[in-house]
Amino acid sequence: MSVEAATLNAAQWAVSDRQAALLLVMPVQQRLTTGDRLLVEWTARRRVARAEFISSILRDVTAGAEALGELDFARLCREHAVPEPTRQVVREGLKGRIFLDVQWEDYRAGVEIDGGQHGMGLKRVEDALRDNELLLAKNPMLRIPIVGLRTHQEEFLDQVRRLLESRRPERPA
């Protein structure tokens, strides 16, 4: 059985939508498959459980979401009429490639969704160095801890809206 078939079967058999979403993002995050390959397998299926939910998660996964927090953030952006961002944007940093969770190219601004691993070891130092370089390049990033995204949604989405408003691209006259 292919990774894609096993992933979609597991998502359909999951005990909750949250578990199904996790099962859909994990193989992509671990580079075992891609969102596009999952989507190809998904469109070939007929009469499936959780069809609407899995389709919505696959839209976000094919757009670059690789973690539950990123899926949550994508949903919150839609619910709060925040413009659709680009996900997993690759940039060159001082020490090589860096990946930005969420980026609005036209605004030159973004958001990082920090899971628990961002508080471990030297990760906070690495994050600070990277964020400082982005800020110096006039591309500010808001950091949102995953716990904060779940407990203070309104406050964080308000900050995102204010960041984007302050960096609104100029329209030609």
N, C-alpha and C. Protein backbone atom coordinates (compact mmCIF):
# COMPACT_ATOMS: atom_id res chain seq x y z
N MET A 1 0.84 -1.18 0.00
CA MET A 1 0.00 0.00 0.00
C MET A 1 0.89 1.25 0.00
N SER A 2 0.51 2.23 -0.74
CA SER A 2 1.29 3.46 -0.83
C SER A 2 1.13 4.29 0.45
N VAL A 3 2.08 5.17 0.67
CA VAL A 3 2.01 6.09 1.81
C VAL A 3 0.74 6.92 1.70
N GLU A 4 0.40 7.36 0.48
CA GLU A 4 -0.78 8.20 0.29
C GLU A 4 -2.06 7.44 0.63
N ALA A 5 -2.18 6.20 0.17
CA ALA A 5 -3.37 5.40 0.47
C ALA A 5 -3.47 5.14 1.98
N ALA A 6 -2.36 4.77 2.59
CA ALA A 6 -2.37 4.51 4.04
C ALA A 6 -2.73 5.78 4.82
N THR A 7 -2.20 6.92 4.40
CA THR A 7 -2.49 8.19 5.07
C THR A 7 -3.97 8.51 5.00
N LEU A 8 -4.54 8.38 3.82
CA LEU A 8 -5.96 8.71 3.65
C LEU A 8 -6.86 7.71 4.37
N ASN A 9 -6.49 6.43 4.36
CA ASN A 9 -7.25 5.44 5.12
C ASN A 9 -7.24 5.79 6.60
N ALA A 10 -6.08 6.09 7.12
CA ALA A 10 -5.95 6.43 8.54
C ALA A 10 -6.78 7.65 8.88
N ALA A 11 -6.77 8.67 8.01
CA ALA A 11 -7.56 9.88 8.27
C ALA A 11 -9.05 9.57 8.28
N GLN A 12 -9.48 8.68 7.41
CA GLN A 12 -10.90 8.32 7.38
C GLN A 12 -11.31 7.51 8.61
N TRP A 13 -10.40 6.73 9.14
CA TRP A 13 -10.71 5.86 10.27
C TRP A 13 -10.43 6.52 11.61
N ALA A 14 -9.88 7.72 11.62
CA ALA A 14 -9.51 8.40 12.86
C ALA A 14 -10.72 8.57 13.77
N VAL A 15 -10.45 8.67 15.07
CA VAL A 15 -11.54 8.79 16.04
C VAL A 15 -12.10 10.22 16.14
N SER A 16 -11.39 11.19 15.57
CA SER A 16 -11.88 12.58 15.60
C SER A 16 -11.33 13.32 14.38
N ASP A 17 -11.93 14.45 14.08
CA ASP A 17 -11.42 15.28 13.00
C ASP A 17 -10.01 15.78 13.31
N ARG A 18 -9.77 16.10 14.57
CA ARG A 18 -8.45 16.59 14.97
C ARG A 18 -7.38 15.52 14.70
N GLN A 19 -7.69 14.28 15.06
CA GLN A 19 -6.76 13.19 14.81
C GLN A 19 -6.58 12.99 13.31
N ALA A 20 -7.66 13.10 12.55
CA ALA A 20 -7.58 12.95 11.09
C ALA A 20 -6.66 14.01 10.50
N ALA A 21 -6.80 15.25 10.96
CA ALA A 21 -5.94 16.33 10.47
C ALA A 21 -4.47 16.03 10.78
N LEU A 22 -4.21 15.57 11.99
CA LEU A 22 -2.83 15.24 12.37
C LEU A 22 -2.27 14.14 11.47
N LEU A 23 -3.07 13.14 11.20
CA LEU A 23 -2.63 12.04 10.35
C LEU A 23 -2.37 12.49 8.91
N LEU A 24 -3.04 13.54 8.48
CA LEU A 24 -2.82 14.06 7.13
C LEU A 24 -1.56 14.92 7.04
N VAL A 25 -1.23 15.67 8.09
CA VAL A 25 -0.06 16.55 8.00
C VAL A 25 1.25 15.84 8.36
N MET A 26 1.19 14.83 9.22
CA MET A 26 2.43 14.18 9.67
C MET A 26 3.29 13.62 8.53
N PRO A 27 2.73 12.85 7.59
CA PRO A 27 3.59 12.30 6.54
C PRO A 27 4.18 13.39 5.62
N VAL A 28 3.47 14.51 5.48
CA VAL A 28 3.99 15.61 4.66
C VAL A 28 5.11 16.30 5.43
N GLN A 29 4.89 16.56 6.71
CA GLN A 29 5.91 17.19 7.55
C GLN A 29 7.18 16.35 7.59
N GLN A 30 7.02 15.03 7.60
CA GLN A 30 8.16 14.12 7.67
C GLN A 30 8.73 13.80 6.29
N ARG A 31 8.22 14.47 5.26
CA ARG A 31 8.70 14.33 3.88
C ARG A 31 8.55 12.91 3.33
N LEU A 32 7.52 12.19 3.81
CA LEU A 32 7.22 10.87 3.27
C LEU A 32 6.37 10.96 2.01
N THR A 33 5.65 12.07 1.87
CA THR A 33 4.82 12.33 0.69
C THR A 33 4.64 13.83 0.57
N THR A 34 3.82 14.23 -0.39
CA THR A 34 3.52 15.65 -0.56
C THR A 34 2.00 15.85 -0.54
N GLY A 35 1.61 17.08 -0.33
CA GLY A 35 0.19 17.40 -0.39
C GLY A 35 -0.39 17.09 -1.75
N ASP A 36 0.37 17.36 -2.81
CA ASP A 36 -0.11 17.09 -4.16
C ASP A 36 -0.34 15.60 -4.40
N ARG A 37 0.57 14.76 -3.90
CA ARG A 37 0.40 13.31 -4.07
C ARG A 37 -0.80 12.80 -3.28
N LEU A 38 -1.01 13.36 -2.09
CA LEU A 38 -2.21 12.99 -1.32
C LEU A 38 -3.47 13.39 -2.08
N LEU A 39 -3.45 14.57 -2.67
CA LEU A 39 -4.62 15.06 -3.40
C LEU A 39 -4.94 14.18 -4.61
N VAL A 40 -3.92 13.72 -5.31
CA VAL A 40 -4.14 12.82 -6.46
C VAL A 40 -4.83 11.54 -5.99
N GLU A 41 -4.32 10.96 -4.90
CA GLU A 41 -4.93 9.75 -4.35
C GLU A 41 -6.36 10.03 -3.90
N TRP A 42 -6.57 11.19 -3.28
CA TRP A 42 -7.89 11.55 -2.75
C TRP A 42 -8.92 11.70 -3.87
N THR A 43 -8.55 12.34 -4.96
CA THR A 43 -9.51 12.58 -6.04
C THR A 43 -9.90 11.29 -6.76
N ALA A 44 -9.09 10.25 -6.61
CA ALA A 44 -9.41 8.96 -7.24
C ALA A 44 -10.39 8.14 -6.40
N ARG A 45 -10.65 8.58 -5.20
CA ARG A 45 -11.52 7.80 -4.30
C ARG A 45 -12.99 8.15 -4.49
N ARG A 46 -13.84 7.18 -4.20
CA ARG A 46 -15.29 7.37 -4.26
C ARG A 46 -15.89 7.00 -2.90
N ARG A 47 -17.01 7.61 -2.57
CA ARG A 47 -17.76 7.29 -1.33
C ARG A 47 -16.82 7.13 -0.14
N VAL A 48 -16.41 8.24 0.39
CA VAL A 48 -15.44 8.20 1.48
C VAL A 48 -15.99 8.90 2.72
N ALA A 49 -15.50 8.45 3.87
CA ALA A 49 -15.86 9.08 5.14
C ALA A 49 -15.13 10.42 5.26
N ARG A 50 -15.77 11.38 5.93
CA ARG A 50 -15.16 12.70 6.21
C ARG A 50 -14.76 13.45 4.93
N ALA A 51 -15.48 13.25 3.86
CA ALA A 51 -15.08 13.81 2.56
C ALA A 51 -14.88 15.32 2.62
N GLU A 52 -15.82 16.06 3.15
CA GLU A 52 -15.70 17.52 3.17
C GLU A 52 -14.54 17.96 4.05
N PHE A 53 -14.42 17.35 5.23
CA PHE A 53 -13.35 17.73 6.15
C PHE A 53 -11.98 17.43 5.56
N ILE A 54 -11.79 16.22 5.04
CA ILE A 54 -10.49 15.83 4.49
C ILE A 54 -10.16 16.72 3.29
N SER A 55 -11.14 17.02 2.45
CA SER A 55 -10.89 17.92 1.31
C SER A 55 -10.40 19.28 1.78
N SER A 56 -11.01 19.80 2.83
CA SER A 56 -10.60 21.12 3.32
C SER A 56 -9.19 21.08 3.90
N ILE A 57 -8.85 20.02 4.62
CA ILE A 57 -7.49 19.89 5.17
C ILE A 57 -6.48 19.73 4.03
N LEU A 58 -6.81 18.94 3.03
CA LEU A 58 -5.89 18.74 1.91
C LEU A 58 -5.64 20.04 1.14
N ARG A 59 -6.63 20.93 1.07
CA ARG A 59 -6.40 22.23 0.43
C ARG A 59 -5.29 22.98 1.16
N ASP A 60 -5.33 22.97 2.50
CA ASP A 60 -4.31 23.66 3.28
C ASP A 60 -2.96 22.94 3.20
N VAL A 61 -2.98 21.62 3.20
CA VAL A 61 -1.73 20.86 3.13
C VAL A 61 -1.06 21.07 1.77
N THR A 62 -1.83 21.07 0.69
CA THR A 62 -1.23 21.31 -0.63
C THR A 62 -0.74 22.75 -0.75
N ALA A 63 -1.29 23.65 0.07
CA ALA A 63 -0.82 25.05 0.07
C ALA A 63 0.39 25.23 0.97
N GLY A 64 0.81 24.18 1.68
CA GLY A 64 2.05 24.25 2.45
C GLY A 64 1.93 24.07 3.95
N ALA A 65 0.73 23.94 4.50
CA ALA A 65 0.60 23.72 5.94
C ALA A 65 1.19 22.36 6.31
N GLU A 66 2.05 22.35 7.33
CA GLU A 66 2.72 21.11 7.71
C GLU A 66 2.55 20.74 9.18
N ALA A 67 1.69 21.43 9.88
CA ALA A 67 1.48 21.14 11.30
C ALA A 67 0.05 21.54 11.68
N LEU A 68 -0.44 20.96 12.76
CA LEU A 68 -1.80 21.30 13.19
C LEU A 68 -1.96 22.79 13.47
N GLY A 69 -0.95 23.40 14.07
CA GLY A 69 -1.03 24.83 14.35
C GLY A 69 -1.15 25.64 13.08
N GLU A 70 -0.48 25.22 12.03
CA GLU A 70 -0.57 25.92 10.75
C GLU A 70 -1.95 25.72 10.12
N LEU A 71 -2.52 24.53 10.30
CA LEU A 71 -3.90 24.30 9.83
C LEU A 71 -4.87 25.18 10.60
N ASP A 72 -4.68 25.26 11.92
CA ASP A 72 -5.54 26.11 12.75
C ASP A 72 -5.43 27.57 12.31
N PHE A 73 -4.21 28.02 12.04
CA PHE A 73 -4.00 29.40 11.64
C PHE A 73 -4.67 29.68 10.30
N ALA A 74 -4.57 28.75 9.36
CA ALA A 74 -5.22 28.92 8.05
C ALA A 74 -6.73 29.07 8.22
N ARG A 75 -7.33 28.24 9.06
CA ARG A 75 -8.78 28.32 9.32
C ARG A 75 -9.13 29.67 9.95
N LEU A 76 -8.33 30.10 10.93
CA LEU A 76 -8.60 31.38 11.60
C LEU A 76 -8.47 32.56 10.63
N CYS A 77 -7.51 32.50 9.72
CA CYS A 77 -7.39 33.57 8.72
C CYS A 77 -8.66 33.66 7.88
N ARG A 78 -9.18 32.52 7.46
CA ARG A 78 -10.43 32.54 6.68
C ARG A 78 -11.58 33.08 7.51
N GLU A 79 -11.69 32.63 8.76
CA GLU A 79 -12.79 33.08 9.63
C GLU A 79 -12.72 34.57 9.94
N HIS A 80 -11.51 35.14 9.96
CA HIS A 80 -11.33 36.55 10.33
C HIS A 80 -11.03 37.44 9.12
N ALA A 81 -11.27 36.92 7.92
CA ALA A 81 -11.09 37.68 6.68
C ALA A 81 -9.68 38.26 6.54
N VAL A 82 -8.69 37.50 6.99
CA VAL A 82 -7.29 37.87 6.80
C VAL A 82 -6.87 37.32 5.44
N PRO A 83 -6.15 38.10 4.64
CA PRO A 83 -5.75 37.62 3.30
C PRO A 83 -5.04 36.26 3.36
N GLU A 84 -5.24 35.49 2.31
CA GLU A 84 -4.60 34.17 2.21
C GLU A 84 -3.09 34.33 2.09
N PRO A 85 -2.33 33.72 2.99
CA PRO A 85 -0.87 33.83 2.90
C PRO A 85 -0.27 32.71 2.07
N THR A 86 1.02 32.84 1.81
CA THR A 86 1.81 31.76 1.25
C THR A 86 2.43 31.03 2.43
N ARG A 87 2.57 29.71 2.31
CA ARG A 87 3.09 28.93 3.43
C ARG A 87 4.42 28.28 3.06
N GLN A 88 5.24 28.04 4.09
CA GLN A 88 6.53 27.37 3.93
C GLN A 88 7.37 28.05 2.84
N VAL A 89 7.52 29.36 2.99
CA VAL A 89 8.31 30.15 2.05
C VAL A 89 9.79 29.94 2.38
N VAL A 90 10.59 29.70 1.36
CA VAL A 90 12.02 29.46 1.54
C VAL A 90 12.77 30.78 1.30
N ARG A 91 13.65 31.10 2.24
CA ARG A 91 14.50 32.29 2.14
C ARG A 91 15.95 31.86 2.40
N GLU A 92 16.88 32.67 1.95
CA GLU A 92 18.28 32.43 2.27
C GLU A 92 18.61 33.24 3.52
N GLY A 93 19.09 32.56 4.55
CA GLY A 93 19.52 33.22 5.77
C GLY A 93 21.03 33.25 5.84
N LEU A 94 21.55 33.75 6.93
CA LEU A 94 23.00 33.82 7.09
C LEU A 94 23.65 32.44 7.08
N LYS A 95 22.91 31.44 7.55
CA LYS A 95 23.47 30.09 7.64
C LYS A 95 22.78 29.12 6.68
N GLY A 96 22.24 29.63 5.59
CA GLY A 96 21.58 28.76 4.62
C GLY A 96 20.09 29.01 4.55
N ARG A 97 19.38 28.02 4.05
CA ARG A 97 17.94 28.16 3.83
C ARG A 97 17.17 28.21 5.14
N ILE A 98 16.13 29.06 5.14
CA ILE A 98 15.18 29.10 6.25
C ILE A 98 13.79 28.97 5.67
N PHE A 99 12.89 28.42 6.46
CA PHE A 99 11.51 28.23 6.04
C PHE A 99 10.63 29.10 6.92
N LEU A 100 9.78 29.89 6.29
CA LEU A 100 8.84 30.74 7.01
C LEU A 100 7.47 30.08 6.95
N ASP A 101 6.85 29.88 8.12
CA ASP A 101 5.55 29.20 8.16
C ASP A 101 4.52 29.90 7.30
N VAL A 102 4.38 31.21 7.50
CA VAL A 102 3.34 31.98 6.82
C VAL A 102 3.96 33.30 6.37
N GLN A 103 3.73 33.65 5.11
CA GLN A 103 4.29 34.89 4.58
C GLN A 103 3.27 35.54 3.65
N TRP A 104 3.11 36.85 3.80
CA TRP A 104 2.33 37.66 2.86
C TRP A 104 3.35 38.42 2.04
N GLU A 105 3.62 37.94 0.82
CA GLU A 105 4.67 38.51 -0.01
C GLU A 105 4.44 39.98 -0.29
N ASP A 106 3.21 40.36 -0.64
CA ASP A 106 2.92 41.75 -0.97
C ASP A 106 3.12 42.70 0.21
N TYR A 107 3.01 42.17 1.42
CA TYR A 107 3.14 42.99 2.63
C TYR A 107 4.55 42.92 3.22
N ARG A 108 5.34 41.98 2.73
CA ARG A 108 6.67 41.72 3.31
C ARG A 108 6.56 41.55 4.82
N ALA A 109 5.71 40.62 5.22
CA ALA A 109 5.48 40.34 6.64
C ALA A 109 4.99 38.89 6.75
N GLY A 110 5.15 38.33 7.95
CA GLY A 110 4.73 36.96 8.12
C GLY A 110 4.47 36.59 9.56
N VAL A 111 4.17 35.33 9.77
CA VAL A 111 3.87 34.78 11.08
C VAL A 111 4.56 33.43 11.21
N GLU A 112 5.12 33.20 12.36
CA GLU A 112 5.65 31.89 12.72
C GLU A 112 4.76 31.30 13.80
N ILE A 113 4.30 30.07 13.58
CA ILE A 113 3.50 29.35 14.57
C ILE A 113 4.47 28.45 15.33
N ASP A 114 4.67 28.75 16.60
CA ASP A 114 5.68 28.04 17.40
C ASP A 114 5.07 26.89 18.19
N GLY A 115 5.44 25.67 17.82
CA GLY A 115 5.09 24.51 18.62
C GLY A 115 6.03 24.41 19.81
N GLY A 116 5.83 23.41 20.61
CA GLY A 116 6.62 23.23 21.83
C GLY A 116 8.11 23.13 21.60
N GLN A 117 8.53 22.63 20.43
CA GLN A 117 9.96 22.46 20.16
C GLN A 117 10.69 23.80 20.09
N HIS A 118 9.98 24.89 19.90
CA HIS A 118 10.63 26.20 19.81
C HIS A 118 11.14 26.70 21.16
N GLY A 119 10.75 26.05 22.25
CA GLY A 119 11.24 26.45 23.56
C GLY A 119 12.36 25.56 24.08
N MET A 120 12.81 24.62 23.25
CA MET A 120 13.79 23.64 23.70
C MET A 120 15.21 24.03 23.29
N GLY A 121 16.14 23.83 24.18
CA GLY A 121 17.55 24.01 23.88
C GLY A 121 17.86 25.39 23.32
N LEU A 122 18.63 25.42 22.26
CA LEU A 122 19.03 26.68 21.65
C LEU A 122 18.06 27.17 20.58
N LYS A 123 16.92 26.50 20.44
CA LYS A 123 15.97 26.88 19.39
C LYS A 123 15.49 28.32 19.55
N ARG A 124 15.26 28.77 20.77
CA ARG A 124 14.82 30.17 20.98
C ARG A 124 15.89 31.15 20.51
N VAL A 125 17.15 30.82 20.72
CA VAL A 125 18.24 31.68 20.26
C VAL A 125 18.27 31.70 18.74
N GLU A 126 18.18 30.53 18.11
CA GLU A 126 18.17 30.44 16.65
C GLU A 126 16.99 31.21 16.07
N ASP A 127 15.81 31.08 16.69
CA ASP A 127 14.63 31.81 16.24
C ASP A 127 14.84 33.31 16.35
N ALA A 128 15.43 33.76 17.46
CA ALA A 128 15.66 35.20 17.66
C ALA A 128 16.64 35.73 16.61
N LEU A 129 17.71 35.00 16.36
CA LEU A 129 18.67 35.44 15.35
C LEU A 129 18.01 35.54 13.97
N ARG A 130 17.23 34.55 13.64
CA ARG A 130 16.54 34.56 12.34
C ARG A 130 15.54 35.70 12.26
N ASP A 131 14.74 35.89 13.31
CA ASP A 131 13.75 36.97 13.32
C ASP A 131 14.41 38.34 13.24
N ASN A 132 15.53 38.49 13.92
CA ASN A 132 16.24 39.77 13.87
C ASN A 132 16.73 40.06 12.46
N GLU A 133 17.25 39.05 11.76
CA GLU A 133 17.69 39.24 10.38
C GLU A 133 16.53 39.62 9.47
N LEU A 134 15.38 38.98 9.68
CA LEU A 134 14.21 39.32 8.88
C LEU A 134 13.76 40.75 9.16
N LEU A 135 13.78 41.14 10.41
CA LEU A 135 13.40 42.50 10.77
C LEU A 135 14.35 43.51 10.15
N LEU A 136 15.65 43.23 10.19
CA LEU A 136 16.63 44.12 9.57
C LEU A 136 16.43 44.21 8.06
N ALA A 137 15.90 43.15 7.46
CA ALA A 137 15.59 43.14 6.03
C ALA A 137 14.20 43.71 5.76
N LYS A 138 13.60 44.32 6.79
CA LYS A 138 12.27 44.94 6.68
C LYS A 138 11.19 43.94 6.30
N ASN A 139 11.26 42.76 6.90
CA ASN A 139 10.26 41.71 6.71
C ASN A 139 9.90 41.17 8.09
N PRO A 140 9.14 41.94 8.88
CA PRO A 140 8.85 41.51 10.25
C PRO A 140 8.01 40.23 10.31
N MET A 141 8.24 39.46 11.37
CA MET A 141 7.50 38.23 11.61
C MET A 141 6.89 38.30 13.00
N LEU A 142 5.61 38.01 13.09
CA LEU A 142 4.99 37.85 14.40
C LEU A 142 5.18 36.40 14.81
N ARG A 143 5.41 36.17 16.09
CA ARG A 143 5.54 34.81 16.61
C ARG A 143 4.28 34.52 17.42
N ILE A 144 3.66 33.38 17.15
CA ILE A 144 2.46 32.98 17.86
C ILE A 144 2.70 31.59 18.43
N PRO A 145 2.81 31.47 19.76
CA PRO A 145 2.93 30.13 20.35
C PRO A 145 1.63 29.37 20.11
N ILE A 146 1.74 28.10 19.85
CA ILE A 146 0.55 27.30 19.55
C ILE A 146 -0.48 27.37 20.68
N VAL A 147 -0.01 27.38 21.92
CA VAL A 147 -0.95 27.49 23.05
C VAL A 147 -1.67 28.84 22.97
N GLY A 148 -0.96 29.90 22.64
CA GLY A 148 -1.57 31.22 22.50
C GLY A 148 -2.58 31.27 21.37
N LEU A 149 -2.29 30.57 20.27
CA LEU A 149 -3.21 30.54 19.15
C LEU A 149 -4.54 29.92 19.57
N ARG A 150 -4.46 28.95 20.46
CA ARG A 150 -5.68 28.27 20.92
C ARG A 150 -6.38 29.00 22.06
N THR A 151 -5.64 29.76 22.86
CA THR A 151 -6.25 30.39 24.04
C THR A 151 -6.51 31.88 23.87
N HIS A 152 -5.82 32.53 22.91
CA HIS A 152 -5.96 33.98 22.72
C HIS A 152 -6.10 34.31 21.23
N GLN A 153 -6.99 33.57 20.56
CA GLN A 153 -7.15 33.72 19.11
C GLN A 153 -7.42 35.16 18.70
N GLU A 154 -8.37 35.79 19.36
CA GLU A 154 -8.77 37.14 18.96
C GLU A 154 -7.60 38.12 19.06
N GLU A 155 -6.86 38.04 20.16
CA GLU A 155 -5.75 38.98 20.35
C GLU A 155 -4.67 38.79 19.29
N PHE A 156 -4.32 37.53 19.00
CA PHE A 156 -3.29 37.29 18.01
C PHE A 156 -3.76 37.65 16.60
N LEU A 157 -5.01 37.32 16.25
CA LEU A 157 -5.50 37.69 14.93
C LEU A 157 -5.61 39.20 14.78
N ASP A 158 -5.91 39.90 15.88
CA ASP A 158 -5.92 41.37 15.84
C ASP A 158 -4.51 41.88 15.53
N GLN A 159 -3.49 41.28 16.15
CA GLN A 159 -2.11 41.69 15.87
C GLN A 159 -1.75 41.43 14.40
N VAL A 160 -2.19 40.31 13.85
CA VAL A 160 -1.92 39.99 12.45
C VAL A 160 -2.58 41.05 11.55
N ARG A 161 -3.85 41.35 11.82
CA ARG A 161 -4.55 42.36 11.02
C ARG A 161 -3.83 43.71 11.09
N ARG A 162 -3.40 44.11 12.31
CA ARG A 162 -2.72 45.39 12.46
C ARG A 162 -1.38 45.40 11.74
N LEU A 163 -0.64 44.28 11.78
CA LEU A 163 0.63 44.20 11.05
C LEU A 163 0.38 44.38 9.56
N LEU A 164 -0.58 43.67 9.02
CA LEU A 164 -0.85 43.76 7.59
C LEU A 164 -1.36 45.15 7.22
N GLU A 165 -2.18 45.73 8.06
CA GLU A 165 -2.68 47.09 7.80
C GLU A 165 -1.52 48.09 7.77
N SER A 166 -0.57 47.93 8.65
CA SER A 166 0.56 48.86 8.71
C SER A 166 1.50 48.70 7.52
N ARG A 167 1.39 47.57 6.82
CA ARG A 167 2.30 47.28 5.71
C ARG A 167 1.54 47.12 4.38
N ARG A 168 0.34 47.66 4.34
CA ARG A 168 -0.50 47.53 3.15
C ARG A 168 0.28 47.96 1.91
N PRO A 169 0.31 47.11 0.88
CA PRO A 169 1.05 47.48 -0.34
C PRO A 169 0.41 48.70 -0.98
N GLU A 170 1.26 49.55 -1.54
CA GLU A 170 0.74 50.73 -2.23
C GLU A 170 0.16 50.32 -3.57
N ARG A 171 -0.97 50.90 -3.89
CA ARG A 171 -1.63 50.66 -5.18
C ARG A 171 -1.23 51.76 -6.15
N PRO A 172 -0.93 51.41 -7.38
CA PRO A 172 -0.59 52.46 -8.35
C PRO A 172 -1.77 53.39 -8.56
N ALA A 173 -1.49 54.68 -8.73
CA ALA A 173 -2.56 55.69 -8.89
C ALA A 173 -3.16 55.65 -10.26
